[in-house]
Amino acid sequence: MDTFVAIANALDVSADTLLIDVVAHSVTGVTNELTEKIEKLPIKEQKKIIKVIHTLLEE
């Protein structure tokens, strides 16, 4: 466990980010983390990212 925490700290990511492929509920943690990162960006950059996400989600 100490090694796992050390890796997460070294990469500066959450445990959810590291476990996204193996833990079912980790997607929520990752989306929350991404939301926080996006909110810190300038509005112009936020709009670009949201536009890309909307494009990827279109069917």
PDB file of N, CA and C in Angstrom:
ATOM      1  N   MET A   1       0.823  -1.181   0.000  1.00  0.00           N
ATOM      2  CA  MET A   1       0.000   0.000   0.000  1.00  0.00           C
ATOM      3  C   MET A   1       0.875   1.256   0.000  1.00  0.00           C
ATOM      4  N   ASP A   2       1.952   1.229   0.741  1.00  0.00           N
ATOM      5  CA  ASP A   2       2.855   2.380   0.770  1.00  0.00           C
ATOM      6  C   ASP A   2       3.409   2.683  -0.623  1.00  0.00           C
ATOM      7  N   THR A   3       3.721   1.619  -1.368  1.00  0.00           N
ATOM      8  CA  THR A   3       4.245   1.795  -2.723  1.00  0.00           C
ATOM      9  C   THR A   3       3.187   2.429  -3.622  1.00  0.00           C
ATOM     10  N   PHE A   4       1.951   1.965  -3.489  1.00  0.00           N
ATOM     11  CA  PHE A   4       0.857   2.520  -4.280  1.00  0.00           C
ATOM     12  C   PHE A   4       0.690   4.017  -3.997  1.00  0.00           C
ATOM     13  N   VAL A   5       0.694   4.379  -2.739  1.00  0.00           N
ATOM     14  CA  VAL A   5       0.562   5.783  -2.348  1.00  0.00           C
ATOM     15  C   VAL A   5       1.747   6.591  -2.867  1.00  0.00           C
ATOM     16  N   ALA A   6       2.930   6.027  -2.790  1.00  0.00           N
ATOM     17  CA  ALA A   6       4.122   6.718  -3.285  1.00  0.00           C
ATOM     18  C   ALA A   6       4.025   6.965  -4.788  1.00  0.00           C
ATOM     19  N   ILE A   7       3.503   5.993  -5.521  1.00  0.00           N
ATOM     20  CA  ILE A   7       3.332   6.153  -6.970  1.00  0.00           C
ATOM     21  C   ILE A   7       2.315   7.257  -7.258  1.00  0.00           C
ATOM     22  N   ALA A   8       1.182   7.221  -6.568  1.00  0.00           N
ATOM     23  CA  ALA A   8       0.148   8.244  -6.766  1.00  0.00           C
ATOM     24  C   ALA A   8       0.711   9.633  -6.466  1.00  0.00           C
ATOM     25  N   ASN A   9       1.455   9.749  -5.394  1.00  0.00           N
ATOM     26  CA  ASN A   9       2.058  11.036  -5.029  1.00  0.00           C
ATOM     27  C   ASN A   9       3.102  11.483  -6.048  1.00  0.00           C
ATOM     28  N   ALA A  10       3.909  10.548  -6.522  1.00  0.00           N
ATOM     29  CA  ALA A  10       4.946  10.886  -7.494  1.00  0.00           C
ATOM     30  C   ALA A  10       4.335  11.354  -8.813  1.00  0.00           C
ATOM     31  N   LEU A  11       3.204  10.748  -9.189  1.00  0.00           N
ATOM     32  CA  LEU A  11       2.531  11.124 -10.432  1.00  0.00           C
ATOM     33  C   LEU A  11       1.584  12.298 -10.244  1.00  0.00           C
ATOM     34  N   ASP A  12       1.365  12.665  -8.976  1.00  0.00           N
ATOM     35  CA  ASP A  12       0.445  13.749  -8.629  1.00  0.00           C
ATOM     36  C   ASP A  12      -0.955  13.499  -9.177  1.00  0.00           C
ATOM     37  N   VAL A  13      -1.438  12.260  -8.960  1.00  0.00           N
ATOM     38  CA  VAL A  13      -2.779  11.865  -9.381  1.00  0.00           C
ATOM     39  C   VAL A  13      -3.486  11.186  -8.220  1.00  0.00           C
ATOM     40  N   SER A  14      -4.805  11.076  -8.349  1.00  0.00           N
ATOM     41  CA  SER A  14      -5.575  10.401  -7.310  1.00  0.00           C
ATOM     42  C   SER A  14      -5.491   8.889  -7.488  1.00  0.00           C
ATOM     43  N   ALA A  15      -5.810   8.190  -6.429  1.00  0.00           N
ATOM     44  CA  ALA A  15      -5.858   6.730  -6.498  1.00  0.00           C
ATOM     45  C   ALA A  15      -6.904   6.289  -7.511  1.00  0.00           C
ATOM     46  N   ASP A  16      -8.027   7.019  -7.586  1.00  0.00           N
ATOM     47  CA  ASP A  16      -9.061   6.697  -8.569  1.00  0.00           C
ATOM     48  C   ASP A  16      -8.515   6.730  -9.992  1.00  0.00           C
ATOM     49  N   THR A  17      -7.668   7.694 -10.256  1.00  0.00           N
ATOM     50  CA  THR A  17      -7.085   7.797 -11.589  1.00  0.00           C
ATOM     51  C   THR A  17      -6.251   6.562 -11.902  1.00  0.00           C
ATOM     52  N   LEU A  18      -5.497   6.107 -10.944  1.00  0.00           N
ATOM     53  CA  LEU A  18      -4.666   4.925 -11.157  1.00  0.00           C
ATOM     54  C   LEU A  18      -5.494   3.652 -11.278  1.00  0.00           C
ATOM     55  N   LEU A  19      -6.647   3.629 -10.633  1.00  0.00           N
ATOM     56  CA  LEU A  19      -7.471   2.417 -10.596  1.00  0.00           C
ATOM     57  C   LEU A  19      -8.663   2.442 -11.547  1.00  0.00           C
ATOM     58  N   ILE A  20      -8.747   3.414 -12.420  1.00  0.00           N
ATOM     59  CA  ILE A  20      -9.941   3.584 -13.251  1.00  0.00           C
ATOM     60  C   ILE A  20     -10.304   2.326 -14.037  1.00  0.00           C
ATOM     61  N   ASP A  21      -9.339   1.560 -14.466  1.00  0.00           N
ATOM     62  CA  ASP A  21      -9.633   0.360 -15.258  1.00  0.00           C
ATOM     63  C   ASP A  21     -10.026  -0.853 -14.423  1.00  0.00           C
ATOM     64  N   VAL A  22      -9.845  -0.780 -13.102  1.00  0.00           N
ATOM     65  CA  VAL A  22     -10.111  -1.964 -12.287  1.00  0.00           C
ATOM     66  C   VAL A  22     -11.160  -1.773 -11.197  1.00  0.00           C
ATOM     67  N   VAL A  23     -11.545  -0.538 -10.932  1.00  0.00           N
ATOM     68  CA  VAL A  23     -12.541  -0.279  -9.892  1.00  0.00           C
ATOM     69  C   VAL A  23     -13.746   0.399 -10.542  1.00  0.00           C
ATOM     70  N   ALA A  24     -14.912  -0.206 -10.396  1.00  0.00           N
ATOM     71  CA  ALA A  24     -16.113   0.259 -11.086  1.00  0.00           C
ATOM     72  C   ALA A  24     -16.491   1.699 -10.747  1.00  0.00           C
ATOM     73  N   HIS A  25     -16.409   2.100  -9.495  1.00  0.00           N
ATOM     74  CA  HIS A  25     -16.852   3.439  -9.097  1.00  0.00           C
ATOM     75  C   HIS A  25     -15.790   4.518  -9.285  1.00  0.00           C
ATOM     76  N   SER A  26     -14.632   4.168  -9.766  1.00  0.00           N
ATOM     77  CA  SER A  26     -13.553   5.153  -9.876  1.00  0.00           C
ATOM     78  C   SER A  26     -13.828   6.211 -10.935  1.00  0.00           C
ATOM     79  N   VAL A  27     -14.714   5.934 -11.878  1.00  0.00           N
ATOM     80  CA  VAL A  27     -15.016   6.919 -12.921  1.00  0.00           C
ATOM     81  C   VAL A  27     -15.536   8.213 -12.305  1.00  0.00           C
ATOM     82  N   THR A  28     -16.353   8.101 -11.267  1.00  0.00           N
ATOM     83  CA  THR A  28     -16.883   9.293 -10.601  1.00  0.00           C
ATOM     84  C   THR A  28     -15.756  10.140 -10.034  1.00  0.00           C
ATOM     85  N   GLY A  29     -14.801   9.509  -9.395  1.00  0.00           N
ATOM     86  CA  GLY A  29     -13.668  10.248  -8.839  1.00  0.00           C
ATOM     87  C   GLY A  29     -12.850  10.931  -9.910  1.00  0.00           C
ATOM     88  N   VAL A  30     -12.651  10.252 -11.019  1.00  0.00           N
ATOM     89  CA  VAL A  30     -11.870  10.824 -12.112  1.00  0.00           C
ATOM     90  C   VAL A  30     -12.616  11.996 -12.741  1.00  0.00           C
ATOM     91  N   THR A  31     -13.924  11.845 -12.948  1.00  0.00           N
ATOM     92  CA  THR A  31     -14.674  12.959 -13.533  1.00  0.00           C
ATOM     93  C   THR A  31     -14.674  14.165 -12.602  1.00  0.00           C
ATOM     94  N   ASN A  32     -14.748  13.928 -11.301  1.00  0.00           N
ATOM     95  CA  ASN A  32     -14.673  15.039 -10.340  1.00  0.00           C
ATOM     96  C   ASN A  32     -13.311  15.724 -10.410  1.00  0.00           C
ATOM     97  N   GLU A  33     -12.273  14.927 -10.529  1.00  0.00           N
ATOM     98  CA  GLU A  33     -10.917  15.473 -10.623  1.00  0.00           C
ATOM     99  C   GLU A  33     -10.750  16.297 -11.903  1.00  0.00           C
ATOM    100  N   LEU A  34     -11.290  15.787 -13.007  1.00  0.00           N
ATOM    101  CA  LEU A  34     -11.211  16.525 -14.267  1.00  0.00           C
ATOM    102  C   LEU A  34     -11.995  17.828 -14.194  1.00  0.00           C
ATOM    103  N   THR A  35     -13.163  17.785 -13.568  1.00  0.00           N
ATOM    104  CA  THR A  35     -13.963  18.997 -13.402  1.00  0.00           C
ATOM    105  C   THR A  35     -13.180  20.055 -12.648  1.00  0.00           C
ATOM    106  N   GLU A  36     -12.518  19.659 -11.577  1.00  0.00           N
ATOM    107  CA  GLU A  36     -11.725  20.611 -10.794  1.00  0.00           C
ATOM    108  C   GLU A  36     -10.603  21.215 -11.629  1.00  0.00           C
ATOM    109  N   LYS A  37      -9.950  20.391 -12.437  1.00  0.00           N
ATOM    110  CA  LYS A  37      -8.859  20.889 -13.276  1.00  0.00           C
ATOM    111  C   LYS A  37      -9.380  21.844 -14.344  1.00  0.00           C
ATOM    112  N   ILE A  38     -10.510  21.498 -14.948  1.00  0.00           N
ATOM    113  CA  ILE A  38     -11.084  22.349 -15.984  1.00  0.00           C
ATOM    114  C   ILE A  38     -11.499  23.689 -15.403  1.00  0.00           C
ATOM    115  N   GLU A  39     -12.085  23.678 -14.205  1.00  0.00           N
ATOM    116  CA  GLU A  39     -12.536  24.922 -13.570  1.00  0.00           C
ATOM    117  C   GLU A  39     -11.397  25.895 -13.290  1.00  0.00           C
ATOM    118  N   LYS A  40     -10.191  25.396 -13.188  1.00  0.00           N
ATOM    119  CA  LYS A  40      -9.037  26.250 -12.912  1.00  0.00           C
ATOM    120  C   LYS A  40      -8.481  26.918 -14.169  1.00  0.00           C
ATOM    121  N   LEU A  41      -8.947  26.478 -15.331  1.00  0.00           N
ATOM    122  CA  LEU A  41      -8.461  27.025 -16.599  1.00  0.00           C
ATOM    123  C   LEU A  41      -9.189  28.321 -16.951  1.00  0.00           C
ATOM    124  N   PRO A  42      -8.592  29.113 -17.830  1.00  0.00           N
ATOM    125  CA  PRO A  42      -9.294  30.300 -18.327  1.00  0.00           C
ATOM    126  C   PRO A  42     -10.573  29.873 -19.067  1.00  0.00           C
ATOM    127  N   ILE A  43     -11.568  30.749 -19.075  1.00  0.00           N
ATOM    128  CA  ILE A  43     -12.857  30.441 -19.681  1.00  0.00           C
ATOM    129  C   ILE A  43     -12.712  29.956 -21.126  1.00  0.00           C
ATOM    130  N   LYS A  44     -11.847  30.585 -21.895  1.00  0.00           N
ATOM    131  CA  LYS A  44     -11.653  30.195 -23.301  1.00  0.00           C
ATOM    132  C   LYS A  44     -11.212  28.735 -23.406  1.00  0.00           C
ATOM    133  N   GLU A  45     -10.299  28.324 -22.546  1.00  0.00           N
ATOM    134  CA  GLU A  45      -9.825  26.943 -22.546  1.00  0.00           C
ATOM    135  C   GLU A  45     -10.914  25.981 -22.069  1.00  0.00           C
ATOM    136  N   GLN A  46     -11.685  26.411 -21.080  1.00  0.00           N
ATOM    137  CA  GLN A  46     -12.801  25.592 -20.594  1.00  0.00           C
ATOM    138  C   GLN A  46     -13.772  25.301 -21.731  1.00  0.00           C
ATOM    139  N   LYS A  47     -14.119  26.333 -22.491  1.00  0.00           N
ATOM    140  CA  LYS A  47     -15.066  26.164 -23.597  1.00  0.00           C
ATOM    141  C   LYS A  47     -14.533  25.214 -24.654  1.00  0.00           C
ATOM    142  N   LYS A  48     -13.224  25.287 -24.946  1.00  0.00           N
ATOM    143  CA  LYS A  48     -12.613  24.382 -25.917  1.00  0.00           C
ATOM    144  C   LYS A  48     -12.747  22.924 -25.468  1.00  0.00           C
ATOM    145  N   ILE A  49     -12.435  22.686 -24.208  1.00  0.00           N
ATOM    146  CA  ILE A  49     -12.487  21.325 -23.675  1.00  0.00           C
ATOM    147  C   ILE A  49     -13.919  20.804 -23.677  1.00  0.00           C
ATOM    148  N   ILE A  50     -14.859  21.641 -23.265  1.00  0.00           N
ATOM    149  CA  ILE A  50     -16.263  21.221 -23.245  1.00  0.00           C
ATOM    150  C   ILE A  50     -16.747  20.917 -24.656  1.00  0.00           C
ATOM    151  N   LYS A  51     -16.333  21.709 -25.623  1.00  0.00           N
ATOM    152  CA  LYS A  51     -16.718  21.467 -27.013  1.00  0.00           C
ATOM    153  C   LYS A  51     -16.174  20.120 -27.493  1.00  0.00           C
ATOM    154  N   VAL A  52     -14.930  19.812 -27.159  1.00  0.00           N
ATOM    155  CA  VAL A  52     -14.336  18.536 -27.539  1.00  0.00           C
ATOM    156  C   VAL A  52     -15.095  17.372 -26.897  1.00  0.00           C
ATOM    157  N   ILE A  53     -15.412  17.510 -25.631  1.00  0.00           N
ATOM    158  CA  ILE A  53     -16.144  16.448 -24.941  1.00  0.00           C
ATOM    159  C   ILE A  53     -17.515  16.234 -25.561  1.00  0.00           C
ATOM    160  N   HIS A  54     -18.217  17.316 -25.852  1.00  0.00           N
ATOM    161  CA  HIS A  54     -19.525  17.199 -26.500  1.00  0.00           C
ATOM    162  C   HIS A  54     -19.386  16.497 -27.856  1.00  0.00           C
ATOM    163  N   THR A  55     -18.353  16.830 -28.610  1.00  0.00           N
ATOM    164  CA  THR A  55     -18.121  16.195 -29.897  1.00  0.00           C
ATOM    165  C   THR A  55     -17.882  14.693 -29.732  1.00  0.00           C
ATOM    166  N   LEU A  56     -17.101  14.325 -28.749  1.00  0.00           N
ATOM    167  CA  LEU A  56     -16.824  12.904 -28.519  1.00  0.00           C
ATOM    168  C   LEU A  56     -18.057  12.127 -28.088  1.00  0.00           C
ATOM    169  N   LEU A  57     -18.979  12.800 -27.411  1.00  0.00           N
ATOM    170  CA  LEU A  57     -20.169  12.124 -26.898  1.00  0.00           C
ATOM    171  C   LEU A  57     -21.337  12.090 -27.875  1.00  0.00           C
ATOM    172  N   GLU A  58     -21.219  12.810 -28.987  1.00  0.00           N
ATOM    173  CA  GLU A  58     -22.295  12.796 -29.978  1.00  0.00           C
ATOM    174  C   GLU A  58     -22.421  11.416 -30.588  1.00  0.00           C
ATOM    175  N   GLU A  59     -23.668  11.054 -30.851  1.00  0.00           N
ATOM    176  CA  GLU A  59     -23.910   9.731 -31.457  1.00  0.00           C
ATOM    177  C   GLU A  59     -24.217   9.862 -32.919  1.00  0.00           C
TER     178      GLU A  59
END
